[in-house]
Amino acid sequence: MLDRAPLREVRDFYCDSRQWDAYRPRNGDVVIATAPKVGTTWTQQIVNLLIFQNAEPRPLTMMSPWIDCRIQMPPEVMMQIIEAQDHRRFLKSHLPLDGLPIHNEVRYIHVARGGRDACMSFLNHINGYNDDVWGRLDAAGLGDPEIGIPKPRPPRSAREFFHHWIAPTETSALELMSQAFFSIERSYWKERARPNLLLVHYNDLKADLQGEMARIAAFLEMDIPQEIWPELVDAATFESMQRDGEALLPGMEMGFTEGVKTFLNKGTNNRWQGVLTDEDNALYQARVEQELSPGLRAWLEAGRLAVGDPRDLAD
């Protein structure tokens, strides 16, 4: 049953929230909804492993389609793929929660990561685009009268990209820079008390993968036999995902210069340290204080294991 229709329409170079209009929920569907480069694919793999309860690599891009994506395939083809699935479905989104329909029978998992870490990972991601991806992004912008421009090419160096990412400009929300990042985080934080929404943090996945997998399994009401836990946890490690990358993410060479190696790059935090100056970090802190409540700031930078469950944190 629909609990709340989308509160706003979101259209940018990557996403079009209108593509969710054709979505017909099934009881138990899972929506993994995040900003870019915060652990989305990692969480898709975790949910994949929990659903199928074996470590066999499966193509996540087909098993867990990104519904709002406007640069991969026609939306009607994507919906045909989703409707044909007979397993428990787990879908991907890069929309804020107020841009999504909320159904009572659907479980929503939001994954987050500190802004500077997300920024540095997004830089590597964008620097790996080939000409075909740039062409599709340009076409998405030019083909949408609400945008009407080709995708701007951001700076390629770390400090220059950070300043491009952090500055609120006319196009930063359309490019999924910090303006969109903060909007996404605020939207899920505001709704964090919903019983069918779980907030997961990248830092916690790094610190206690098995514990976070168990937490996700409990949220999805899954009973996993203890004898297969070690195998599932091992298959969810970054090292295993890199090893199985060609099977998990087939066709990445069509979009990235180094294929899956670009997409699954390092899986580490703090790459901004030693790159950003004290002034850069002060700029980031000032923007965070302007955009986010104290509770959200604390959780976004550190995670649940460091500051507590988001449901218990005050604004």
Protein backbone atom coordinates (compact mmCIF):
# COMPACT_ATOMS: atom_id res chain seq x y z
CA MET A 1 0.00 0.00 0.00
CA LEU A 2 1.27 3.46 -0.88
CA ASP A 3 2.05 5.33 2.32
CA ARG A 4 3.32 8.50 0.69
CA ALA A 5 3.64 9.60 -2.92
CA PRO A 6 6.81 11.45 -3.99
CA LEU A 7 6.84 14.98 -2.63
CA ARG A 8 8.87 16.38 -5.52
CA GLU A 9 10.17 15.56 -8.96
CA VAL A 10 13.91 15.05 -9.32
CA ARG A 11 15.56 15.36 -12.73
CA ASP A 12 19.29 15.68 -13.22
CA PHE A 13 21.94 14.39 -15.61
CA TYR A 14 21.84 10.93 -14.00
CA CYS A 15 18.35 10.47 -12.58
CA ASP A 16 14.70 10.97 -13.44
CA SER A 17 12.29 10.27 -10.59
CA ARG A 18 9.38 9.98 -13.03
CA GLN A 19 10.68 6.55 -14.02
CA TRP A 20 9.35 5.23 -10.69
CA ASP A 21 5.79 5.93 -11.88
CA ALA A 22 5.69 2.54 -13.60
CA TYR A 23 6.99 0.66 -10.53
CA ARG A 24 4.54 -1.83 -9.06
CA PRO A 25 5.72 -2.96 -5.62
CA ARG A 26 5.71 -6.51 -4.36
CA ASN A 27 5.63 -7.48 -0.73
CA GLY A 28 9.22 -7.69 0.50
CA ASP A 29 10.84 -5.58 -2.21
CA VAL A 30 14.04 -3.89 -1.06
CA VAL A 31 15.12 -0.44 -2.27
CA ILE A 32 18.76 0.47 -1.68
CA ALA A 33 18.80 4.25 -1.94
CA THR A 34 21.94 6.36 -1.59
CA ALA A 35 23.99 9.26 -2.82
CA PRO A 36 26.69 8.20 -5.33
CA LYS A 37 29.87 6.45 -4.17
CA VAL A 38 28.93 5.75 -0.56
CA GLY A 39 28.72 1.95 -0.58
CA THR A 40 25.74 1.37 -2.87
CA THR A 41 27.20 -1.59 -4.79
CA TRP A 42 28.60 -3.04 -1.57
CA THR A 43 25.14 -3.02 -0.01
CA GLN A 44 23.59 -4.46 -3.18
CA GLN A 45 26.04 -7.35 -2.93
CA ILE A 46 25.22 -7.87 0.75
CA VAL A 47 21.48 -7.99 0.04
CA ASN A 48 22.12 -10.27 -2.94
CA LEU A 49 24.03 -12.70 -0.72
CA LEU A 50 21.34 -12.63 1.95
CA ILE A 51 18.53 -13.26 -0.53
CA PHE A 52 20.16 -16.14 -2.39
CA GLN A 53 22.12 -17.47 0.61
CA ASN A 54 25.13 -18.52 -1.38
CA ALA A 55 28.33 -16.83 -2.53
CA GLU A 56 27.89 -17.36 -6.27
CA PRO A 57 28.68 -14.08 -8.10
CA ARG A 58 25.61 -12.70 -9.86
CA PRO A 59 25.39 -9.65 -12.18
CA LEU A 60 24.23 -6.88 -9.86
CA THR A 61 23.41 -4.41 -12.62
CA MET A 62 20.72 -6.79 -13.93
CA MET A 63 19.69 -8.37 -10.64
CA SER A 64 19.36 -5.01 -8.87
CA PRO A 65 18.37 -2.42 -11.52
CA TRP A 66 18.81 1.32 -10.95
CA ILE A 67 15.25 2.45 -11.71
CA ASP A 68 15.79 6.21 -11.84
CA CYS A 69 18.89 6.00 -14.06
CA ARG A 70 18.39 7.81 -17.35
CA ILE A 71 21.65 6.79 -19.09
CA GLN A 72 21.67 2.97 -19.01
CA MET A 73 18.61 1.62 -20.82
CA PRO A 74 15.09 2.72 -21.77
CA PRO A 75 12.87 2.73 -18.67
CA GLU A 76 10.34 0.40 -20.24
CA VAL A 77 13.08 -2.21 -20.80
CA MET A 78 14.20 -1.85 -17.20
CA MET A 79 10.65 -2.37 -15.97
CA GLN A 80 10.32 -5.49 -18.11
CA ILE A 81 13.46 -6.88 -16.44
CA ILE A 82 12.12 -6.05 -12.98
CA GLU A 83 8.67 -7.50 -13.64
CA ALA A 84 10.21 -10.75 -14.94
CA GLN A 85 12.18 -11.35 -11.74
CA ASP A 86 10.78 -14.11 -9.54
CA HIS A 87 13.19 -13.76 -6.60
CA ARG A 88 12.85 -11.23 -3.82
CA ARG A 89 13.62 -8.03 -5.67
CA PHE A 90 16.27 -5.55 -4.55
CA LEU A 91 16.39 -2.29 -6.46
CA LYS A 92 18.74 0.69 -6.57
CA SER A 93 18.12 4.43 -6.42
CA HIS A 94 20.16 7.62 -6.16
CA LEU A 95 17.11 9.74 -5.31
CA PRO A 96 16.36 11.57 -2.08
CA LEU A 97 13.60 9.91 -0.10
CA ASP A 98 11.20 12.77 -0.81
CA GLY A 99 11.59 11.96 -4.51
CA LEU A 100 10.59 8.30 -4.03
CA PRO A 101 7.22 6.66 -3.47
CA ILE A 102 7.08 5.04 -0.03
CA HIS A 103 5.16 1.77 0.14
CA ASN A 104 4.45 0.02 3.44
CA GLU A 105 5.33 -3.41 2.03
CA VAL A 106 8.75 -2.26 0.75
CA ARG A 107 11.93 -2.09 2.85
CA TYR A 108 14.25 0.88 2.25
CA ILE A 109 17.98 0.80 3.06
CA HIS A 110 19.86 4.08 2.99
CA VAL A 111 23.66 3.94 3.00
CA ALA A 112 25.78 6.98 3.83
CA ARG A 113 29.41 8.04 4.03
CA GLY A 114 31.29 11.15 5.10
CA GLY A 115 31.11 13.90 2.49
CA ARG A 116 34.82 14.24 1.81
CA ASP A 117 35.17 10.48 1.34
CA ALA A 118 32.19 10.43 -1.02
CA CYS A 119 33.71 13.38 -2.91
CA MET A 120 37.09 11.70 -3.46
CA SER A 121 35.44 8.44 -4.57
CA PHE A 122 33.17 10.32 -6.97
CA LEU A 123 36.24 12.02 -8.47
CA ASN A 124 37.80 8.64 -9.30
CA HIS A 125 34.46 7.49 -10.72
CA ILE A 126 34.03 10.52 -12.99
CA ASN A 127 37.67 10.50 -14.08
CA GLY A 128 37.09 6.97 -15.36
CA TYR A 129 34.21 7.84 -17.70
CA ASN A 130 34.82 7.08 -21.35
CA ASP A 131 33.45 9.08 -24.28
CA ASP A 132 30.30 6.96 -24.47
CA VAL A 133 29.27 7.83 -20.89
CA TRP A 134 29.94 11.52 -21.47
CA GLY A 135 27.85 11.34 -24.62
CA ARG A 136 24.93 9.74 -22.77
CA LEU A 137 25.13 12.34 -19.98
CA ASP A 138 25.21 15.13 -22.55
CA ALA A 139 22.19 13.65 -24.32
CA ALA A 140 20.28 13.35 -21.04
CA GLY A 141 20.84 17.02 -20.28
CA LEU A 142 20.12 18.29 -23.78
CA GLY A 143 17.06 16.07 -24.12
CA ASP A 144 15.42 17.36 -20.95
CA PRO A 145 13.88 20.83 -21.33
CA GLU A 146 14.26 21.35 -17.58
CA ILE A 147 18.06 21.08 -18.01
CA GLY A 148 18.82 21.96 -21.63
CA ILE A 149 22.63 21.83 -21.45
CA PRO A 150 25.32 19.17 -21.87
CA LYS A 151 26.92 17.72 -18.75
CA PRO A 152 29.62 20.10 -17.44
CA ARG A 153 33.11 18.58 -17.27
CA PRO A 154 34.38 18.98 -13.70
CA PRO A 155 38.05 19.44 -12.78
CA ARG A 156 40.13 16.27 -12.69
CA SER A 157 42.54 17.03 -9.84
CA ALA A 158 41.54 16.33 -6.23
CA ARG A 159 41.61 19.84 -4.74
CA GLU A 160 40.03 21.47 -7.77
CA PHE A 161 37.32 18.82 -7.85
CA PHE A 162 36.66 19.29 -4.13
CA HIS A 163 36.05 23.00 -4.67
CA HIS A 164 33.76 22.19 -7.61
CA TRP A 165 31.94 19.61 -5.44
CA ILE A 166 31.51 21.85 -2.39
CA ALA A 167 30.43 25.06 -4.12
CA PRO A 168 26.64 25.49 -4.48
CA THR A 169 26.17 26.56 -8.11
CA GLU A 170 23.34 26.57 -10.64
CA THR A 171 24.36 23.13 -11.92
CA SER A 172 25.80 21.43 -8.80
CA ALA A 173 22.50 19.75 -7.87
CA LEU A 174 22.13 18.49 -11.45
CA GLU A 175 25.66 17.05 -11.31
CA LEU A 176 25.06 15.30 -7.96
CA MET A 177 27.67 17.44 -6.22
CA SER A 178 27.45 18.52 -2.57
CA GLN A 179 24.13 20.32 -2.97
CA ALA A 180 22.45 17.05 -4.00
CA PHE A 181 24.52 15.06 -1.48
CA PHE A 182 23.32 17.12 1.48
CA SER A 183 19.74 17.13 0.20
CA ILE A 184 19.76 13.34 -0.05
CA GLU A 185 21.15 12.94 3.47
CA ARG A 186 18.64 15.35 4.99
CA SER A 187 15.72 13.55 3.34
CA TYR A 188 16.55 10.13 4.86
CA TRP A 189 17.54 11.56 8.22
CA LYS A 190 14.20 13.33 8.51
CA GLU A 191 12.37 10.00 8.03
CA ARG A 192 14.77 7.82 10.05
CA ALA A 193 12.03 6.73 12.52
CA ARG A 194 10.07 4.92 9.79
CA PRO A 195 9.94 1.20 10.65
CA ASN A 196 10.61 0.18 7.03
CA LEU A 197 13.72 2.38 6.68
CA LEU A 198 17.20 1.31 7.82
CA LEU A 199 20.19 3.67 7.87
CA VAL A 200 23.58 2.01 7.28
CA HIS A 201 26.98 3.70 7.33
CA TYR A 202 30.07 2.93 5.26
CA ASN A 203 32.33 3.23 8.33
CA ASP A 204 30.31 0.56 10.14
CA LEU A 205 30.52 -1.79 7.14
CA LYS A 206 34.29 -1.32 7.23
CA ALA A 207 34.54 -1.82 10.99
CA ASP A 208 32.13 -4.74 11.48
CA LEU A 209 30.98 -6.26 8.21
CA GLN A 210 29.50 -9.37 9.81
CA GLY A 211 27.61 -7.33 12.39
CA GLU A 212 26.18 -4.97 9.79
CA MET A 213 25.18 -7.87 7.56
CA ALA A 214 23.36 -9.43 10.50
CA ARG A 215 21.67 -6.08 11.18
CA ILE A 216 20.51 -5.86 7.55
CA ALA A 217 19.31 -9.48 7.62
CA ALA A 218 17.28 -8.79 10.76
CA PHE A 219 15.74 -5.69 9.17
CA LEU A 220 14.76 -7.77 6.13
CA GLU A 221 13.41 -10.52 8.43
CA MET A 222 15.79 -13.13 7.06
CA ASP A 223 17.00 -16.15 9.00
CA ILE A 224 20.45 -17.10 7.70
CA PRO A 225 21.87 -20.53 8.67
CA GLN A 226 24.93 -19.96 10.83
CA GLU A 227 26.97 -22.50 8.90
CA ILE A 228 26.92 -20.36 5.75
CA TRP A 229 27.69 -17.01 7.45
CA PRO A 230 31.48 -17.18 6.98
CA GLU A 231 31.08 -17.82 3.26
CA LEU A 232 28.60 -14.97 2.83
CA VAL A 233 30.67 -12.50 4.83
CA ASP A 234 33.79 -13.39 2.87
CA ALA A 235 31.95 -12.88 -0.43
CA ALA A 236 30.92 -9.40 0.77
CA THR A 237 34.45 -8.20 1.48
CA PHE A 238 35.91 -5.61 -0.86
CA GLU A 239 38.71 -8.00 -1.80
CA SER A 240 36.24 -10.69 -2.87
CA MET A 241 34.16 -8.17 -4.80
CA GLN A 242 37.26 -7.01 -6.65
CA ARG A 243 38.17 -10.64 -7.39
CA ASP A 244 34.67 -11.36 -8.69
CA GLY A 245 34.24 -7.95 -10.28
CA GLU A 246 33.83 -9.13 -13.86
CA ALA A 247 30.95 -11.41 -12.85
CA LEU A 248 29.33 -8.93 -10.45
CA LEU A 249 29.56 -5.95 -12.79
CA PRO A 250 29.78 -7.24 -16.37
CA GLY A 251 30.12 -4.67 -19.13
CA MET A 252 31.82 -1.97 -17.06
CA GLU A 253 34.48 -1.71 -19.76
CA MET A 254 31.79 -0.14 -21.98
CA GLY A 255 31.52 2.83 -19.65
CA PHE A 256 34.84 3.16 -17.85
CA THR A 257 38.34 3.38 -19.23
CA GLU A 258 39.58 0.60 -16.94
CA GLY A 259 36.30 -1.24 -16.58
CA VAL A 260 35.46 -2.73 -13.21
CA LYS A 261 38.87 -1.70 -11.84
CA THR A 262 37.69 1.91 -11.99
CA PHE A 263 34.27 1.15 -10.51
CA LEU A 264 35.64 -0.94 -7.61
CA ASN A 265 38.67 1.19 -6.98
CA LYS A 266 40.07 1.15 -3.42
CA GLY A 267 37.23 0.90 -0.93
CA THR A 268 39.09 3.10 1.55
CA ASN A 269 38.33 6.27 3.47
CA ASN A 270 40.43 9.34 4.25
CA ARG A 271 41.90 9.80 0.77
CA TRP A 272 41.24 13.50 1.26
CA GLN A 273 43.80 13.64 4.08
CA GLY A 274 47.05 15.15 2.89
CA VAL A 275 45.24 16.45 -0.20
CA LEU A 276 42.87 19.04 1.22
CA THR A 277 44.40 21.97 3.09
CA ASP A 278 43.33 23.29 6.48
CA GLU A 279 41.40 26.00 4.64
CA ASP A 280 39.66 23.37 2.49
CA ASN A 281 38.64 21.38 5.56
CA ALA A 282 37.40 24.53 7.28
CA LEU A 283 35.32 25.28 4.19
CA TYR A 284 33.85 21.78 4.36
CA GLN A 285 33.07 22.05 8.06
CA ALA A 286 31.39 25.42 7.59
CA ARG A 287 29.22 24.05 4.78
CA VAL A 288 28.29 20.96 6.80
CA GLU A 289 27.25 23.11 9.76
CA GLN A 290 25.15 25.21 7.43
CA GLU A 291 23.44 22.27 5.72
CA LEU A 292 23.02 19.58 8.40
CA SER A 293 21.67 19.28 11.92
CA PRO A 294 24.13 18.35 14.72
CA GLY A 295 22.86 14.79 14.99
CA LEU A 296 23.06 14.19 11.26
CA ARG A 297 26.53 15.76 11.10
CA ALA A 298 27.82 13.46 13.82
CA TRP A 299 26.36 10.31 12.29
CA LEU A 300 27.35 11.17 8.72
CA GLU A 301 30.99 11.74 9.63
CA ALA A 302 31.43 8.82 12.06
CA GLY A 303 28.69 6.21 11.76
CA ARG A 304 26.44 4.34 14.17
CA LEU A 305 29.17 2.43 16.00
CA ALA A 306 30.84 5.71 16.94
CA VAL A 307 27.91 7.96 17.84
CA GLY A 308 24.87 5.70 18.28
CA ASP A 309 21.82 4.53 16.38
CA PRO A 310 20.36 7.28 14.18
CA ARG A 311 16.90 6.61 15.62
CA ASP A 312 18.20 7.59 19.05
CA LEU A 313 20.04 10.72 17.97
CA ALA A 314 18.37 14.09 18.29
CA ASP A 315 18.57 16.77 15.63
